[in-house]
PDB file of N, CA and C in Angstrom:
ATOM      1  N   MET A   1       5.966 -26.867  -6.873  1.00  0.00           N
ATOM      2  CA  MET A   1       7.584 -26.416  -7.688  1.00  0.00           C
ATOM      3  C   MET A   1       8.391 -25.278  -6.286  1.00  0.00           C
ATOM      4  N   PRO A   2       8.832 -25.017  -6.655  1.00  0.00           N
ATOM      5  CA  PRO A   2      10.427 -24.567  -5.170  1.00  0.00           C
ATOM      6  C   PRO A   2       9.969 -23.228  -5.410  1.00  0.00           C
ATOM      7  N   LEU A   3      10.430 -22.461  -4.396  1.00  0.00           N
ATOM      8  CA  LEU A   3      10.527 -20.971  -4.405  1.00  0.00           C
ATOM      9  C   LEU A   3      11.258 -20.611  -4.929  1.00  0.00           C
ATOM     10  N   HIS A   4      11.550 -19.436  -5.860  1.00  0.00           N
ATOM     11  CA  HIS A   4      12.566 -18.462  -5.778  1.00  0.00           C
ATOM     12  C   HIS A   4      11.907 -17.359  -5.493  1.00  0.00           C
ATOM     13  N   LEU A   5      13.116 -17.387  -4.650  1.00  0.00           N
ATOM     14  CA  LEU A   5      13.052 -15.735  -4.152  1.00  0.00           C
ATOM     15  C   LEU A   5      13.545 -14.718  -4.494  1.00  0.00           C
ATOM     16  N   PHE A   6      13.671 -13.304  -4.324  1.00  0.00           N
ATOM     17  CA  PHE A   6      14.553 -12.679  -5.180  1.00  0.00           C
ATOM     18  C   PHE A   6      14.406 -11.371  -3.862  1.00  0.00           C
ATOM     19  N   ALA A   7      16.388 -10.987  -3.591  1.00  0.00           N
ATOM     20  CA  ALA A   7      15.961 -10.116  -2.506  1.00  0.00           C
ATOM     21  C   ALA A   7      16.907  -8.968  -3.193  1.00  0.00           C
ATOM     22  N   GLY A   8      16.826  -7.860  -3.130  1.00  0.00           N
ATOM     23  CA  GLY A   8      17.942  -6.528  -3.274  1.00  0.00           C
ATOM     24  C   GLY A   8      18.798  -6.650  -2.290  1.00  0.00           C
ATOM     25  N   ARG A   9      20.338  -6.340  -2.979  1.00  0.00           N
ATOM     26  CA  ARG A   9      21.229  -6.798  -1.410  1.00  0.00           C
ATOM     27  C   ARG A   9      21.623  -5.356  -0.811  1.00  0.00           C
ATOM     28  N   ARG A  10      20.714  -3.850  -1.366  1.00  0.00           N
ATOM     29  CA  ARG A  10      20.914  -3.261  -0.373  1.00  0.00           C
ATOM     30  C   ARG A  10      19.485  -2.548  -0.222  1.00  0.00           C
ATOM     31  N   ASP A  11      18.688  -3.100   0.242  1.00  0.00           N
ATOM     32  CA  ASP A  11      17.140  -3.148   0.590  1.00  0.00           C
ATOM     33  C   ASP A  11      17.229  -3.268   2.142  1.00  0.00           C
ATOM     34  N   ARG A  12      16.831  -2.035   2.526  1.00  0.00           N
ATOM     35  CA  ARG A  12      16.584  -1.509   3.466  1.00  0.00           C
ATOM     36  C   ARG A  12      15.437  -2.036   4.606  1.00  0.00           C
ATOM     37  N   LEU A  13      14.482  -2.239   3.736  1.00  0.00           N
ATOM     38  CA  LEU A  13      13.426  -2.311   4.375  1.00  0.00           C
ATOM     39  C   LEU A  13      12.859  -4.131   4.006  1.00  0.00           C
ATOM     40  N   VAL A  14      13.778  -4.727   3.356  1.00  0.00           N
ATOM     41  CA  VAL A  14      13.561  -6.578   3.722  1.00  0.00           C
ATOM     42  C   VAL A  14      14.629  -6.677   3.659  1.00  0.00           C
ATOM     43  N   SER A  15      15.094  -7.281   4.014  1.00  0.00           N
ATOM     44  CA  SER A  15      17.085  -7.610   4.635  1.00  0.00           C
ATOM     45  C   SER A  15      17.137  -8.966   3.372  1.00  0.00           C
ATOM     46  N   VAL A  16      18.331  -9.557   3.159  1.00  0.00           N
ATOM     47  CA  VAL A  16      18.525 -10.710   2.878  1.00  0.00           C
ATOM     48  C   VAL A  16      17.920 -11.538   3.509  1.00  0.00           C
ATOM     49  N   PRO A  17      18.784 -11.783   5.353  1.00  0.00           N
ATOM     50  CA  PRO A  17      18.697 -12.509   5.907  1.00  0.00           C
ATOM     51  C   PRO A  17      16.929 -12.891   6.325  1.00  0.00           C
ATOM     52  N   GLU A  18      15.985 -11.954   5.849  1.00  0.00           N
ATOM     53  CA  GLU A  18      14.841 -11.789   6.149  1.00  0.00           C
ATOM     54  C   GLU A  18      14.126 -12.592   5.096  1.00  0.00           C
ATOM     55  N   VAL A  19      14.633 -12.393   3.175  1.00  0.00           N
ATOM     56  CA  VAL A  19      14.166 -13.307   2.641  1.00  0.00           C
ATOM     57  C   VAL A  19      14.487 -14.442   2.809  1.00  0.00           C
ATOM     58  N   VAL A  20      15.815 -15.035   3.067  1.00  0.00           N
ATOM     59  CA  VAL A  20      16.518 -16.211   3.548  1.00  0.00           C
ATOM     60  C   VAL A  20      15.564 -16.728   4.296  1.00  0.00           C
ATOM     61  N   SER A  21      14.202 -16.294   4.951  1.00  0.00           N
ATOM     62  CA  SER A  21      13.894 -17.239   5.968  1.00  0.00           C
ATOM     63  C   SER A  21      12.509 -17.600   5.294  1.00  0.00           C
ATOM     64  N   TRP A  22      12.280 -16.927   4.006  1.00  0.00           N
ATOM     65  CA  TRP A  22      10.903 -18.076   3.782  1.00  0.00           C
ATOM     66  C   TRP A  22      11.296 -19.598   3.852  1.00  0.00           C
ATOM     67  N   ARG A  23      12.263 -19.832   3.264  1.00  0.00           N
ATOM     68  CA  ARG A  23      12.868 -21.470   2.922  1.00  0.00           C
ATOM     69  C   ARG A  23      12.273 -21.916   3.975  1.00  0.00           C
ATOM     70  N   ARG A  24      11.692 -22.055   5.304  1.00  0.00           N
ATOM     71  CA  ARG A  24      11.159 -22.768   6.393  1.00  0.00           C
ATOM     72  C   ARG A  24       9.462 -22.980   5.703  1.00  0.00           C
ATOM     73  N   HIS A  25       9.246 -22.444   4.621  1.00  0.00           N
ATOM     74  CA  HIS A  25       7.968 -22.794   4.415  1.00  0.00           C
ATOM     75  C   HIS A  25       8.217 -22.664   2.853  1.00  0.00           C
ATOM     76  N   ALA A  26       9.157 -23.316   2.675  1.00  0.00           N
ATOM     77  CA  ALA A  26       9.508 -23.834   0.820  1.00  0.00           C
ATOM     78  C   ALA A  26       9.181 -25.650   1.201  1.00  0.00           C
ATOM     79  N   GLY A  27       8.420 -26.226   1.006  1.00  0.00           N
ATOM     80  CA  GLY A  27       8.095 -28.215   0.951  1.00  0.00           C
ATOM     81  C   GLY A  27       8.772 -28.767   0.280  1.00  0.00           C
ATOM     82  N   ARG A  28       9.240 -27.752  -1.524  1.00  0.00           N
ATOM     83  CA  ARG A  28       9.881 -28.604  -2.305  1.00  0.00           C
ATOM     84  C   ARG A  28      10.342 -27.728  -3.017  1.00  0.00           C
ATOM     85  N   GLY A  29      11.940 -27.466  -1.892  1.00  0.00           N
ATOM     86  CA  GLY A  29      12.287 -26.962  -2.190  1.00  0.00           C
ATOM     87  C   GLY A  29      12.806 -24.591  -2.518  1.00  0.00           C
ATOM     88  N   CYS A  30      13.869 -24.120  -2.232  1.00  0.00           N
ATOM     89  CA  CYS A  30      14.402 -22.764  -2.048  1.00  0.00           C
ATOM     90  C   CYS A  30      15.076 -22.383  -2.564  1.00  0.00           C
ATOM     91  N   GLU A  31      15.431 -21.422  -3.464  1.00  0.00           N
ATOM     92  CA  GLU A  31      16.073 -20.687  -4.008  1.00  0.00           C
ATOM     93  C   GLU A  31      16.358 -19.108  -3.871  1.00  0.00           C
ATOM     94  N   VAL A  32      17.273 -19.103  -3.431  1.00  0.00           N
ATOM     95  CA  VAL A  32      17.459 -17.602  -2.979  1.00  0.00           C
ATOM     96  C   VAL A  32      18.467 -17.029  -3.984  1.00  0.00           C
ATOM     97  N   ARG A  33      17.951 -15.712  -4.603  1.00  0.00           N
ATOM     98  CA  ARG A  33      18.978 -15.151  -5.531  1.00  0.00           C
ATOM     99  C   ARG A  33      18.875 -13.410  -5.091  1.00  0.00           C
ATOM    100  N   THR A  34      19.956 -12.965  -4.855  1.00  0.00           N
ATOM    101  CA  THR A  34      20.493 -12.465  -4.752  1.00  0.00           C
ATOM    102  C   THR A  34      20.833 -10.862  -5.989  1.00  0.00           C
ATOM    103  N   MET A  35      20.599  -9.977  -5.762  1.00  0.00           N
ATOM    104  CA  MET A  35      20.313  -8.634  -7.144  1.00  0.00           C
ATOM    105  C   MET A  35      21.148  -7.508  -7.048  1.00  0.00           C
ATOM    106  N   PRO A  36      21.513  -6.829  -7.786  1.00  0.00           N
ATOM    107  CA  PRO A  36      22.630  -5.176  -7.039  1.00  0.00           C
ATOM    108  C   PRO A  36      20.565  -4.852  -6.926  1.00  0.00           C
ATOM    109  N   GLY A  37      21.461  -3.523  -6.125  1.00  0.00           N
ATOM    110  CA  GLY A  37      20.691  -2.327  -5.619  1.00  0.00           C
ATOM    111  C   GLY A  37      19.339  -3.142  -4.436  1.00  0.00           C
ATOM    112  N   GLY A  38      18.286  -1.758  -4.191  1.00  0.00           N
ATOM    113  CA  GLY A  38      18.009  -2.156  -3.187  1.00  0.00           C
ATOM    114  C   GLY A  38      16.249  -2.263  -3.243  1.00  0.00           C
ATOM    115  N   HIS A  39      15.290  -1.726  -2.614  1.00  0.00           N
ATOM    116  CA  HIS A  39      13.954  -2.494  -1.943  1.00  0.00           C
ATOM    117  C   HIS A  39      13.311  -2.515  -4.064  1.00  0.00           C
ATOM    118  N   PHE A  40      13.486  -1.953  -4.916  1.00  0.00           N
ATOM    119  CA  PHE A  40      12.795  -1.797  -5.908  1.00  0.00           C
ATOM    120  C   PHE A  40      13.807  -1.762  -6.759  1.00  0.00           C
ATOM    121  N   PHE A  41      14.854  -3.317  -6.862  1.00  0.00           N
ATOM    122  CA  PHE A  41      15.999  -3.317  -7.689  1.00  0.00           C
ATOM    123  C   PHE A  41      15.015  -4.197  -9.147  1.00  0.00           C
ATOM    124  N   VAL A  42      13.501  -4.234  -8.597  1.00  0.00           N
ATOM    125  CA  VAL A  42      12.919  -5.401 -10.176  1.00  0.00           C
ATOM    126  C   VAL A  42      12.973  -4.113 -11.461  1.00  0.00           C
ATOM    127  N   ARG A  43      13.187  -2.421 -10.464  1.00  0.00           N
ATOM    128  CA  ARG A  43      13.194  -1.154 -11.835  1.00  0.00           C
ATOM    129  C   ARG A  43      14.658  -0.482 -11.858  1.00  0.00           C
ATOM    130  N   ALA A  44      14.935  -0.344 -11.122  1.00  0.00           N
ATOM    131  CA  ALA A  44      16.235   0.135 -10.829  1.00  0.00           C
ATOM    132  C   ALA A  44      17.277  -1.088 -11.912  1.00  0.00           C
ATOM    133  N   HIS A  45      16.852  -2.316 -11.882  1.00  0.00           N
ATOM    134  CA  HIS A  45      17.913  -3.712 -13.014  1.00  0.00           C
ATOM    135  C   HIS A  45      17.331  -3.753 -13.998  1.00  0.00           C
ATOM    136  N   GLU A  46      15.877  -3.540 -14.331  1.00  0.00           N
ATOM    137  CA  GLU A  46      15.138  -4.603 -14.756  1.00  0.00           C
ATOM    138  C   GLU A  46      15.648  -6.021 -15.651  1.00  0.00           C
ATOM    139  N   GLU A  47      16.641  -5.290 -16.184  1.00  0.00           N
ATOM    140  CA  GLU A  47      16.951  -5.728 -17.340  1.00  0.00           C
ATOM    141  C   GLU A  47      18.197  -7.696 -16.653  1.00  0.00           C
ATOM    142  N   ALA A  48      18.221  -7.078 -15.876  1.00  0.00           N
ATOM    143  CA  ALA A  48      19.254  -8.216 -15.623  1.00  0.00           C
ATOM    144  C   ALA A  48      18.499  -8.718 -14.298  1.00  0.00           C
ATOM    145  N   PHE A  49      17.436  -8.617 -14.321  1.00  0.00           N
ATOM    146  CA  PHE A  49      16.395  -8.972 -13.678  1.00  0.00           C
ATOM    147  C   PHE A  49      15.397  -9.951 -14.251  1.00  0.00           C
ATOM    148  N   LEU A  50      14.860  -9.815 -15.105  1.00  0.00           N
ATOM    149  CA  LEU A  50      14.624 -10.453 -16.905  1.00  0.00           C
ATOM    150  C   LEU A  50      15.197 -10.791 -17.446  1.00  0.00           C
ATOM    151  N   ARG A  51      16.641 -11.268 -16.948  1.00  0.00           N
ATOM    152  CA  ARG A  51      17.633 -12.533 -17.552  1.00  0.00           C
ATOM    153  C   ARG A  51      16.994 -13.848 -16.432  1.00  0.00           C
ATOM    154  N   GLU A  52      17.216 -12.991 -14.942  1.00  0.00           N
ATOM    155  CA  GLU A  52      17.319 -14.302 -14.202  1.00  0.00           C
ATOM    156  C   GLU A  52      15.870 -14.872 -14.675  1.00  0.00           C
ATOM    157  N   LEU A  53      14.744 -14.167 -14.898  1.00  0.00           N
ATOM    158  CA  LEU A  53      13.496 -14.539 -15.006  1.00  0.00           C
ATOM    159  C   LEU A  53      13.645 -16.157 -15.599  1.00  0.00           C
ATOM    160  N   ALA A  54      14.050 -15.073 -16.818  1.00  0.00           N
ATOM    161  CA  ALA A  54      14.184 -15.937 -18.170  1.00  0.00           C
ATOM    162  C   ALA A  54      14.706 -17.416 -17.830  1.00  0.00           C
ATOM    163  N   THR A  55      16.200 -17.175 -17.141  1.00  0.00           N
ATOM    164  CA  THR A  55      16.732 -18.617 -17.369  1.00  0.00           C
ATOM    165  C   THR A  55      16.050 -19.059 -16.033  1.00  0.00           C
ATOM    166  N   LEU A  56      15.278 -19.026 -15.197  1.00  0.00           N
ATOM    167  CA  LEU A  56      14.052 -19.703 -14.689  1.00  0.00           C
ATOM    168  C   LEU A  56      12.946 -20.248 -15.209  1.00  0.00           C
ATOM    169  N   ALA A  57      12.091 -19.322 -16.076  1.00  0.00           N
ATOM    170  CA  ALA A  57      11.401 -20.041 -16.850  1.00  0.00           C
ATOM    171  C   ALA A  57      12.170 -20.915 -18.281  1.00  0.00           C
ATOM    172  N   ARG A  58      13.183 -20.994 -18.465  1.00  0.00           N
ATOM    173  CA  ARG A  58      13.633 -22.356 -19.466  1.00  0.00           C
ATOM    174  C   ARG A  58      13.706 -23.459 -18.190  1.00  0.00           C
ATOM    175  N   ARG A  59      14.440 -23.361 -17.108  1.00  0.00           N
ATOM    176  CA  ARG A  59      14.348 -24.746 -16.371  1.00  0.00           C
ATOM    177  C   ARG A  59      12.512 -25.132 -16.401  1.00  0.00           C
ATOM    178  N   TYR A  60      12.003 -24.660 -16.534  1.00  0.00           N
ATOM    179  CA  TYR A  60      10.875 -24.987 -16.289  1.00  0.00           C
ATOM    180  C   TYR A  60       9.741 -25.473 -17.416  1.00  0.00           C
ATOM    181  N   ALA A  61      10.565 -24.938 -18.769  1.00  0.00           N
ATOM    182  CA  ALA A  61       9.430 -24.948 -20.109  1.00  0.00           C
ATOM    183  C   ALA A  61       9.993 -26.442 -20.534  1.00  0.00           C
ATOM    184  N   ARG A  62       8.487 -26.911 -20.690  1.00  0.00           N
ATOM    185  CA  ARG A  62       8.060 -27.889 -21.320  1.00  0.00           C
ATOM    186  C   ARG A  62       9.022 -28.781 -22.399  1.00  0.00           C
ATOM    187  N   VAL A  63       8.706 -29.862 -22.406  1.00  0.00           N
ATOM    188  CA  VAL A  63      10.292 -29.697 -24.017  1.00  0.00           C
ATOM    189  C   VAL A  63       9.160 -30.691 -24.883  1.00  0.00           C
ATOM    190  N   PRO A  64       8.722 -30.448 -25.884  1.00  0.00           N
ATOM    191  CA  PRO A  64       7.355 -31.225 -26.703  1.00  0.00           C
ATOM    192  C   PRO A  64       8.014 -32.518 -26.865  1.00  0.00           C
ATOM    193  N   VAL A  65       6.725 -32.925 -26.716  1.00  0.00           N
ATOM    194  CA  VAL A  65       7.268 -34.463 -26.875  1.00  0.00           C
ATOM    195  C   VAL A  65       7.380 -34.478 -28.891  1.00  0.00           C
ATOM    196  N   ALA A  66       8.466 -35.656 -29.101  1.00  0.00           N
ATOM    197  CA  ALA A  66       8.576 -36.104 -30.139  1.00  0.00           C
ATOM    198  C   ALA A  66       7.186 -37.656 -30.327  1.00  0.00           C
ATOM    199  N   ALA A  67       6.068 -36.840 -31.620  1.00  0.00           N
ATOM    200  CA  ALA A  67       5.245 -37.657 -32.359  1.00  0.00           C
ATOM    201  C   ALA A  67       6.065 -39.011 -33.255  1.00  0.00           C
TER     202      ALA A  67
END
């Protein structure tokens, strides 16, 4: 499974380029998404983050096989 990385645009602890550097560890691809906010963007922008996660979940959802 590819890596899906999230980074806060104004994160002072882990910069976006530092997050992007994880691409070298992704054997099956990597996608980086930036979010508004800093290091705790997950809390500060919870709804936006959950929408992004839901989009990814739908991408990997199994489609029922017709009987």
